Every structure is written in structure tokens, then in C-alpha cells.
Protein backbone atom coordinates (compact mmCIF):
# COMPACT_ATOMS: atom_id res chain seq x y z
CA MET A 1 -20.83 99.14 45.54
CA HIS A 2 -21.24 95.96 47.99
CA ASN A 3 -24.77 94.84 48.07
CA TYR A 4 -24.46 94.54 51.72
CA PHE A 5 -23.30 95.67 55.44
CA GLU A 6 -21.47 94.98 58.21
CA HIS A 7 -23.13 96.08 61.78
CA SER A 8 -21.87 94.52 65.45
CA GLY A 9 -21.42 90.89 63.36
CA PHE A 10 -24.04 91.21 61.60
CA ARG A 11 -23.17 91.21 57.77
CA ILE A 12 -27.52 92.68 55.84
CA LEU A 13 -27.43 92.67 52.14
CA ARG A 14 -28.95 95.50 50.89
CA LYS A 15 -32.63 95.18 49.51
CA PRO A 16 -32.68 95.63 45.24
CA SER A 17 -35.46 96.62 43.28
CA GLY A 18 -38.65 94.15 43.12
CA PHE A 19 -37.68 92.23 46.12
CA THR A 20 -39.70 90.17 48.77
CA GLY A 21 -37.98 89.86 51.16
CA PHE A 22 -34.76 90.38 53.12
CA ARG A 23 -31.28 88.13 53.84
CA PHE A 24 -29.66 88.00 56.83
CA SER A 25 -26.31 85.75 57.07
CA LEU A 26 -24.05 85.52 61.09
CA HIS A 27 -20.20 84.48 59.58
CA SER A 28 -19.34 83.62 62.86
CA PHE A 29 -22.17 81.04 63.49
CA GLY A 30 -21.86 80.01 61.19
CA ILE A 31 -26.33 80.54 60.07
CA ALA A 32 -26.66 81.80 56.61
CA ALA A 33 -30.15 82.56 55.71
CA GLN A 34 -32.21 82.88 51.99
CA PRO A 35 -33.98 85.38 49.59
CA LEU A 36 -37.71 85.13 50.94
CA GLN A 37 -38.77 84.59 47.67
CA SER A 38 -43.09 84.53 47.32
CA LEU A 39 -43.64 83.03 49.74
CA THR A 40 -40.96 80.65 51.04
CA LEU A 41 -38.50 80.49 53.91
CA ILE A 42 -35.60 79.07 53.65
CA VAL A 43 -33.36 77.86 56.14
CA ASN A 44 -29.99 77.25 55.85
CA LEU A 45 -27.86 75.69 59.33
CA HIS A 46 -24.56 75.04 58.92
CA TRP A 47 -22.88 73.12 61.80
CA GLY A 48 -18.05 73.47 62.02
CA ILE A 49 -16.53 73.70 59.05
CA GLY A 50 -16.52 71.81 56.30
CA ASP A 51 -17.49 68.74 56.13
CA GLY A 52 -21.40 69.10 58.30
CA PHE A 53 -24.58 68.41 57.45
CA GLN A 54 -27.50 70.90 56.33
CA LEU A 55 -30.83 71.14 56.95
CA LYS A 56 -33.60 72.53 55.37
CA THR A 57 -36.91 73.91 56.24
CA HIS A 58 -39.10 75.38 54.22
CA TYR A 59 -42.63 76.88 55.15
CA ARG A 60 -45.10 77.87 52.60
CA PHE A 61 -47.25 80.30 54.27
CA PHE A 62 -49.65 79.49 52.52
CA ARG A 63 -49.87 76.08 53.26
CA ALA A 64 -49.55 76.14 56.06
CA ARG A 65 -52.85 78.40 57.31
CA ARG A 66 -54.52 75.87 54.94
CA GLU A 67 -53.11 72.71 56.81
CA ARG A 68 -53.81 74.81 60.59
CA GLN A 69 -56.95 74.94 59.67
CA LYS A 70 -57.14 71.59 58.86
CA THR A 71 -55.47 70.36 62.46
CA ALA A 72 -58.62 72.64 63.71
CA LEU A 73 -61.48 70.93 62.19
CA PHE A 74 -59.70 68.02 62.35
CA GLN A 75 -59.35 68.70 66.23
CA ASN A 76 -62.93 70.08 66.55
CA THR A 77 -64.44 66.93 65.31
CA ILE A 78 -62.15 64.55 67.45
CA MET A 79 -63.82 66.03 70.95
CA PHE A 80 -66.36 66.64 69.58
CA ARG A 81 -67.63 62.65 69.23
CA PHE A 82 -65.01 62.57 72.55
CA ILE A 83 -67.50 64.49 74.26
CA CYS A 84 -71.07 62.67 72.27
CA LYS A 85 -68.55 58.91 73.58
CA ARG A 86 -68.49 60.24 77.27
CA LEU A 87 -72.56 61.56 76.67
CA ILE A 88 -73.59 58.33 76.07
CA ILE A 89 -71.55 56.43 78.70
CA SER A 90 -73.07 58.47 81.58
CA VAL A 91 -76.62 58.44 80.20
CA ILE A 92 -76.55 54.65 80.09
CA LEU A 93 -75.07 54.79 83.84
CA LEU A 94 -77.53 57.33 85.40
CA PHE A 95 -80.77 54.74 84.46
CA GLY A 96 -78.62 52.47 85.38
CA ILE A 97 -78.01 53.21 88.27
CA THR A 98 -81.62 54.84 88.67
CA ALA A 99 -83.31 50.45 87.65
CA LEU A 100 -80.67 49.72 90.15
CA LEU A 101 -81.37 52.18 93.40
CA PHE A 102 -85.76 51.88 91.52
CA PHE A 103 -85.94 47.59 91.85
CA LEU A 104 -83.99 47.53 95.33
CA PHE A 105 -86.94 49.12 96.67
CA GLU A 106 -89.16 47.41 95.79
CA LEU A 107 -87.34 44.46 97.12
CA GLN A 108 -88.31 46.24 100.75
CA PRO A 109 -90.25 44.39 103.00
CA GLY A 110 -93.23 46.42 104.33
CA ASN A 111 -95.48 48.56 102.82
CA PRO A 112 -93.82 52.96 102.81
CA TYR A 113 -97.15 54.37 102.64
CA LEU A 114 -97.99 52.89 106.24
CA ASN A 115 -97.50 56.61 107.59
CA PHE A 116 -99.97 58.35 105.41
CA ILE A 117 -102.35 55.56 107.75
CA LYS A 118 -104.29 57.21 110.59
CA PRO A 119 -106.15 55.83 113.66
CA GLY A 120 -110.09 54.98 112.80
CA MET A 121 -109.18 54.69 108.30
CA SER A 122 -111.72 51.82 107.38
CA PRO A 123 -109.95 48.76 105.44
CA GLU A 124 -112.25 50.65 101.73
CA ARG A 125 -110.87 53.34 102.65
CA ILE A 126 -107.20 51.99 103.26
CA GLU A 127 -107.71 50.16 100.06
CA ALA A 128 -108.25 52.91 98.33
CA MET A 129 -105.42 55.04 98.66
CA LEU A 130 -103.29 52.48 98.35
CA ARG A 131 -104.12 51.84 95.37
CA GLU A 132 -104.47 55.64 93.97
CA LYS A 133 -101.00 56.30 94.91
CA GLY A 134 -100.22 53.42 92.63
CA TYR A 135 -99.64 50.88 95.36
CA TYR A 136 -101.35 47.79 93.84
CA ASP A 137 -99.41 48.50 89.89
CA PRO A 138 -97.61 45.04 88.45
CA LEU A 139 -93.52 46.14 88.00
CA SER A 140 -93.62 47.07 84.73
CA VAL A 141 -96.06 49.93 85.58
CA ARG A 142 -94.32 51.60 88.85
CA TRP A 143 -91.03 50.63 86.08
CA THR A 144 -92.48 52.62 83.66
CA LYS A 145 -93.09 55.25 85.23
CA MET A 146 -90.13 55.44 87.16
CA LEU A 147 -88.77 55.70 83.19
CA ALA A 148 -91.13 58.68 81.42
CA SER A 149 -90.48 60.66 85.43
CA LEU A 150 -86.36 60.61 84.96
CA LEU A 151 -87.03 61.46 81.97
CA ARG A 152 -88.94 64.76 82.95
CA PHE A 153 -86.56 65.36 86.25
CA ASP A 154 -89.93 64.75 87.74
CA PHE A 155 -88.94 61.97 90.81
CA GLY A 156 -93.11 62.99 92.19
CA TYR A 157 -94.25 64.32 95.38
CA SER A 158 -91.89 63.32 98.44
CA LEU A 159 -94.09 61.09 100.65
CA GLN A 160 -92.44 62.99 104.80
CA TYR A 161 -93.17 66.41 103.16
CA GLY A 162 -96.23 66.25 100.06
CA ILE A 163 -93.92 69.17 98.02
CA PRO A 164 -92.68 67.76 94.63
CA VAL A 165 -89.27 66.46 95.20
CA THR A 166 -87.73 68.58 92.36
CA THR A 167 -88.81 71.47 94.44
CA LEU A 168 -87.59 70.10 98.29
CA ILE A 169 -83.41 69.41 96.47
CA LEU A 170 -83.43 72.50 94.79
CA ILE A 171 -84.44 73.89 98.10
CA ARG A 172 -81.89 72.02 100.47
CA LEU A 173 -79.33 71.87 97.84
CA PRO A 174 -76.98 75.92 97.24
CA ASN A 175 -76.96 73.92 101.31
CA THR A 176 -75.03 70.82 100.77
CA LEU A 177 -72.83 73.62 98.14
CA ALA A 178 -72.19 76.23 100.99
CA LEU A 179 -70.32 73.17 102.39
CA THR A 180 -68.42 71.00 100.05
CA VAL A 181 -67.45 73.69 97.34
CA PRO A 182 -65.10 75.70 99.83
CA ALA A 183 -63.87 72.60 101.29
CA LEU A 184 -63.07 71.32 98.22
CA LEU A 185 -61.22 75.13 97.71
CA ILE A 186 -59.44 75.29 100.37
CA ALA A 187 -58.38 71.49 101.06
CA VAL A 188 -56.55 72.31 97.03
CA VAL A 189 -54.95 75.37 97.86
CA LEU A 190 -53.73 73.55 101.22
CA SER A 191 -51.87 70.24 99.35
CA VAL A 192 -51.23 71.64 96.94
CA PRO A 193 -47.80 72.93 98.78
CA VAL A 194 -47.54 71.31 101.42
CA GLY A 195 -47.09 67.70 98.87
CA ARG A 196 -45.09 69.48 96.00
CA ARG A 197 -42.32 70.71 99.93
CA SER A 198 -42.07 67.38 100.79
CA ALA A 199 -41.76 65.43 98.12
CA PHE A 200 -38.84 67.84 96.88
CA TYR A 201 -37.01 66.84 100.54
CA PRO A 202 -38.60 63.81 101.05
CA HIS A 203 -36.32 63.27 103.82
CA SER A 204 -36.88 66.25 105.46
CA LEU A 205 -39.15 66.26 108.70
CA PHE A 206 -41.39 67.94 107.13
CA ALA A 207 -42.28 65.68 104.29
CA LYS A 208 -42.73 63.00 106.97
CA GLY A 209 -44.90 64.69 109.30
CA ALA A 210 -47.07 65.48 106.09
CA ASP A 211 -46.81 61.41 105.33
CA MET A 212 -47.43 60.46 108.22
CA LEU A 213 -50.56 63.12 109.31
CA SER A 214 -51.63 62.25 105.76
CA GLY A 215 -51.63 58.63 106.58
CA ILE A 216 -53.19 59.40 109.25
CA GLY A 217 -56.36 61.11 107.31
CA VAL A 218 -56.82 59.01 104.90
CA CYS A 219 -57.60 55.93 107.75
CA THR A 220 -60.38 57.70 109.62
CA PRO A 221 -64.01 58.26 108.41
CA ALA A 222 -65.59 61.53 108.25
CA PHE A 223 -67.86 61.11 111.90
CA PHE A 224 -65.13 60.54 114.00
CA ILE A 225 -63.66 63.52 112.18
CA ALA A 226 -66.66 65.38 113.14
CA LEU A 227 -67.35 64.14 116.95
CA PHE A 228 -63.21 64.98 117.44
CA LEU A 229 -64.09 68.12 116.62
CA ILE A 230 -67.54 69.20 118.10
CA LYS A 231 -65.55 67.72 121.36
CA ALA A 232 -62.35 70.38 120.65
CA PHE A 233 -63.92 73.21 119.83
CA ALA A 234 -68.12 72.58 120.59
CA SER A 235 -67.77 71.09 123.62
CA ASP A 236 -64.59 71.90 125.29
CA ILE A 237 -63.80 74.41 124.31
CA PRO A 238 -66.85 76.36 123.23
CA LEU A 239 -66.05 78.34 120.62
CA PHE A 240 -68.72 77.21 117.25
CA PRO A 241 -71.84 75.40 117.81
CA ILE A 242 -73.08 72.67 117.39
CA SER A 243 -75.55 71.69 115.24
CA GLY A 244 -78.29 73.79 112.45
CA MET A 245 -76.84 76.18 110.10
CA GLU A 246 -78.12 79.66 110.95
CA ASP A 247 -79.21 81.53 114.44
CA ILE A 248 -82.88 82.84 113.04
CA SER A 249 -82.71 85.65 115.80
CA GLN A 250 -80.48 87.93 113.90
CA SER A 251 -80.79 89.71 110.73
CA GLY A 252 -78.38 91.24 108.32
CA LYS A 253 -74.30 91.33 108.63
CA ALA A 254 -75.16 89.25 112.02
CA LEU A 255 -77.03 86.66 110.06
CA LEU A 256 -74.28 85.87 107.44
CA LEU A 257 -71.47 85.51 110.40
CA SER A 258 -74.03 83.00 112.22
CA ARG A 259 -73.92 81.42 109.35
CA PHE A 260 -70.52 81.34 108.66
CA ARG A 261 -69.44 80.64 112.64
CA TYR A 262 -72.09 77.26 112.00
CA ALA A 263 -70.90 76.65 109.02
CA VAL A 264 -66.48 76.73 110.15
CA LEU A 265 -67.35 72.76 111.65
CA PRO A 266 -68.72 71.38 109.00
CA VAL A 267 -65.70 72.55 106.24
CA THR A 268 -63.28 71.89 108.72
CA THR A 269 -64.55 68.49 108.62
CA LEU A 270 -64.91 68.05 104.80
CA THR A 271 -61.73 69.84 104.27
CA LEU A 272 -59.75 67.35 106.09
CA MET A 273 -61.31 64.47 105.03
CA GLN A 274 -60.41 65.52 101.63
CA CYS A 275 -56.81 67.35 102.58
CA ALA A 276 -55.08 63.71 102.70
CA PRO A 277 -55.40 62.03 99.71
CA LEU A 278 -54.99 65.51 97.85
CA VAL A 279 -51.39 65.72 99.51
CA ARG A 280 -50.65 62.24 99.62
CA TYR A 281 -51.59 62.26 94.93
CA VAL A 282 -49.81 65.36 94.88
CA ARG A 283 -46.31 64.05 95.83
CA SER A 284 -46.87 61.41 94.21
CA PHE A 285 -47.56 63.49 91.72
CA MET A 286 -44.45 65.80 91.74
CA GLN A 287 -42.05 62.29 92.49
CA SER A 288 -42.52 61.35 89.42
CA VAL A 289 -41.04 64.48 87.84
CA LYS A 290 -38.17 64.95 90.44
CA GLN A 291 -35.79 63.29 87.74
CA GLU A 292 -37.40 63.82 84.30
CA ASP A 293 -34.67 65.89 81.16
CA PHE A 294 -36.99 69.09 81.74
CA ILE A 295 -36.53 70.49 85.19
CA ARG A 296 -32.46 69.75 84.18
CA THR A 297 -33.20 72.14 80.61
CA TYR A 298 -35.21 74.74 83.42
CA GLU A 299 -32.09 74.70 85.52
CA GLY A 300 -29.43 75.77 81.90
CA PHE A 301 -31.66 78.22 81.74
CA GLY A 302 -30.64 79.74 85.52
CA LEU A 303 -33.47 78.47 87.69
CA THR A 304 -32.46 76.68 90.92
CA ARG A 305 -33.95 73.22 90.74
CA TYR A 306 -36.25 74.02 93.73
CA ALA A 307 -37.60 76.89 90.99
CA ALA A 308 -37.66 74.90 87.96
CA TYR A 309 -39.34 71.67 90.40
CA LYS A 310 -42.07 74.15 91.20
CA SER A 311 -43.29 75.74 88.24
CA ALA A 312 -42.35 73.57 85.43
CA GLY A 313 -42.74 70.73 87.89
CA PHE A 314 -46.22 70.97 88.23
CA ARG A 315 -46.85 72.03 85.12
CA ALA A 316 -46.53 68.65 84.28
CA VAL A 317 -48.44 66.89 87.08
CA LEU A 318 -51.57 69.24 86.38
CA PRO A 319 -53.87 66.89 84.52
CA SER A 320 -53.19 64.06 86.54
CA LEU A 321 -54.00 66.75 89.25
CA ILE A 322 -57.15 67.72 87.77
CA THR A 323 -58.36 64.61 87.02
CA MET A 324 -57.87 63.47 90.83
CA VAL A 325 -59.34 66.30 92.47
CA PHE A 326 -62.72 65.82 89.97
CA MET A 327 -61.94 61.79 91.30
CA GLU A 328 -63.09 62.81 94.73
CA VAL A 329 -66.13 64.61 94.23
CA PRO A 330 -68.31 61.40 95.30
CA TYR A 331 -66.05 60.83 98.08
CA LEU A 332 -66.63 64.92 99.61
CA ILE A 333 -70.49 63.84 98.63
CA SER A 334 -70.76 60.70 100.37
CA GLY A 335 -68.79 62.78 103.15
CA ALA A 336 -71.44 65.66 102.45
CA LEU A 337 -73.80 62.93 103.47
CA ILE A 338 -72.22 61.94 107.46
CA THR A 339 -70.86 65.33 108.09
CA GLU A 340 -75.15 67.09 106.99
CA SER A 341 -76.17 64.22 109.25
CA ILE A 342 -74.36 65.07 112.47
CA PHE A 343 -73.87 68.35 112.51
CA VAL A 344 -78.01 69.05 111.21
CA TRP A 345 -76.81 70.69 108.38
CA PRO A 346 -80.53 71.49 106.17
CA GLY A 347 -78.68 70.21 103.24
CA ILE A 348 -79.57 67.35 101.21
CA GLY A 349 -77.37 64.85 103.98
CA LYS A 350 -80.15 65.30 105.65
CA LEU A 351 -82.83 65.20 103.94
CA ASN A 352 -81.43 61.56 102.19
CA PHE A 353 -81.19 61.31 106.40
CA ASP A 354 -84.36 61.61 106.04
CA ALA A 355 -86.02 60.05 104.24
CA VAL A 356 -83.95 56.70 104.25
CA HIS A 357 -85.99 56.59 108.72
CA PHE A 358 -88.81 58.11 107.04
CA ARG A 359 -88.85 55.81 104.09
CA ASP A 360 -89.53 58.17 101.36
CA TYR A 361 -88.23 56.73 98.35
CA PRO A 362 -89.68 59.39 95.88
CA VAL A 363 -86.76 61.62 97.82
CA LEU A 364 -84.26 58.73 97.40
CA LEU A 365 -84.98 57.83 94.07
CA GLY A 366 -84.89 62.06 93.27
CA ILE A 367 -81.19 62.39 95.64
CA THR A 368 -80.02 59.87 94.34
CA ALA A 369 -80.10 60.28 90.60
CA VAL A 370 -78.98 64.23 91.24
CA THR A 371 -75.70 62.16 93.46
CA ALA A 372 -75.16 60.94 89.98
CA VAL A 373 -75.68 63.76 87.63
CA CYS A 374 -73.47 65.16 90.25
CA VAL A 375 -70.24 62.86 89.98
CA LEU A 376 -71.13 61.45 85.88
CA LEU A 377 -70.65 65.32 85.15
CA ALA A 378 -67.66 65.42 87.16
CA ASN A 379 -66.27 62.89 85.21
CA LEU A 380 -67.35 64.12 82.70
CA ILE A 381 -65.30 67.98 82.58
CA ALA A 382 -62.23 65.73 84.00
CA ASP A 383 -62.39 63.73 80.98
CA ILE A 384 -63.01 67.68 78.99
CA LEU A 385 -59.68 68.72 80.39
CA ASN A 386 -57.29 66.09 80.04
CA TYR A 387 -58.42 65.71 76.60
CA SER A 388 -57.30 69.49 76.49
CA PHE A 389 -54.08 69.00 77.88
CA ASP A 390 -53.12 65.36 75.81
CA LYS A 391 -55.42 65.34 72.91
CA ARG A 392 -53.87 61.38 72.01
CA MET A 393 -57.45 59.88 74.44
CA GLY A 394 -59.54 60.82 71.82
CA LEU A 395 -58.24 58.81 69.07
């Protein structure tokens, strides 16, 4: 009696008593597999007839599990070291930026406390007020106080509003995020399909139009885009309000609708400002993978060239695209500072504009520190995501 039986071209061996594995062979393709003895799997691959090559791969399951655990532990250690190194660099950069800004403020001529001097104040009272504010303190003392306040994330009181700078920034920051976050998301959603299609059809009318418009957008400053939108959609065609954040006479759903109408023009300004460079980035990245071998491999599985390019090619450039999106955060913040000033949107940008005019140094220092933290955090997230895609970055 044979110890195997035939089924659909396969020769499958019967399982003897005490046998701990199985064996199958496909003679038509010359592939055979030996029994699983204990925890060993042996795969024999015979190529051709007669002389050829034989590939044997031995897996001992308990060793493989141990190796996987060692590999995971090693990767986690490298990841931890990678994040710690980036955090240390970010902290050093933050202190360097605030120190540079502090000394720039100290070099400015004039007295920032002149706005506190009221008509009729005696010279003795003015001197006492300046001494209380620390105007006559040595530079080293003021520098030490600034470092101590920075470690506590306490920047003192605003010279203009008379409230803590941290509280003032926390009040204005959500208004800025209400503009920047939707603008960045809309820009990414619009830029990816446009850049991808223009890269696949580089000589089409669509690609030439996208290239021309993105080139114009890169060269156009944010204030010009804002002024054009105000002229077109608030002055000539009064569809949206020019300035402000909401209609205080409204309430409930009407108030939310008014906030949406007030936010349309500033969000559109930031979106157009971000779309132009992102379209060019996506097109450049997608063109780099257009002729790669893995695109042809996906075609061999039955996908059309555009489908393979759209799915596999986009996944290949996704790490680079994520990096560029996070690298656009500084430009987005700078655009928000200008856009909020033009549309009188009560955010960080408008607060920074007023602080410059009032010479409110504590507010300027706090805004610079918060902006630097946002930029450094965006770069850190981009580095971590890049490392998760490519482990060689941490070596």
C-alpha cells in the first residue's frame, strides 16, 4: 500500500503514527517538501531537469521567535535613542532662538515702558515704576529671569493688556488653529491628485496648466492673495465679510454659520499659499518613481499602468510627502501671521502685529517661543514618521 495518494496533480503523503508534520510534493513543477521534524521546516526548490540549483531554507521556530524578539528590542532601543537625540537638539534650538530674540530686544532703542508713563506723573514716581519693572536691572539679571520664566513657560505679564502672556496666547491660539489646520488639510487633499496626475501625463494640457498655476502661486506672497480675494469676493461681489471673526449679534447655529463665513477668505488664502508648493513636491516625487521596476511588477499582476502608478507609486513617495507637509508648517505659520493681520482675525498673528506696534516684548517673546515649539514639534513628528518608514535613519 502506498503511503501517499494522488489529488489534482498533488502527491500527498499519508501521516504515519507519531509523525509531527506533513509533506507534499508537486512533481509537475519539481517542488518537494520534506517532513516537519520537530520544529524544522525544510523547503527544497529544484529548478529544471538534471543539474540545477537547490535552495534549502531551515527555520527553527523557537530560534526565529527569539530572533524576532531581539530585533524588536533592538529597533525599540534605536527608536528611543533617535527620539532622545531629536528632543535634545530641539531644546537647544529653542533656547538659542529665545536667547537671540532676547538680545535683539535689548538692542532696540527707546524705553518699552513709556506707555505706562501718564501725564502728570512726577519724576520720582516714574523712576520707582521703572525700577519696579526691572528696567535698571543689569543684563545678566534680566537674562537669568528670562531663562527662569522660559523653564516655567511663564513669560510674565503683557505690557498692553496687563494679563499673563501664557493666558493671552492660550486664548488666541485656538483661533489660529481654526485657520491653519483646515487650510493645511484642504491643501493636501487638493495637491495630491493634481500633482499625481500631472506627473503621469507631463505633456497634457492639465499638467501644463497645473505647472503654470503652481509656479505663479509659489511666487505670489500671502498678502497679495488676501488682497485679491478681498477685492473679488468682498468688495466687487459682497459674498463674504472682510474682517473680524464672527457676528456678535448672532447666537447658536447662526453664530457658527457667521464664523464659517468670516473664515472662508483667510482659510482660502492659506490654502492657495500651501497648494502651490505641495503640487510641485507631489509631482516631483511621483515622477521619480514613474519608471521604477516595481511599477512594472504590479502591471504583471494585472493592474493597469496608471492604477499601479497611483497605488504603489504613491505609497513609495508617501514618506517624502509626509516630510514635506510637516516642513511646510513654518511657512504656514508665517502666512497665518500676515493673513490674520489683514483680515483682523483675533489669533496669534494679530496679537503679534499689535505687540510689535506696542513694543510688548513679553508677548513677542512668548509668541516666538510658542511658534518655535510648534515648528520643532512638526519637525520631530516628521523625523519619527520617516524613521518608522526607513529604519536606517536612526543608525
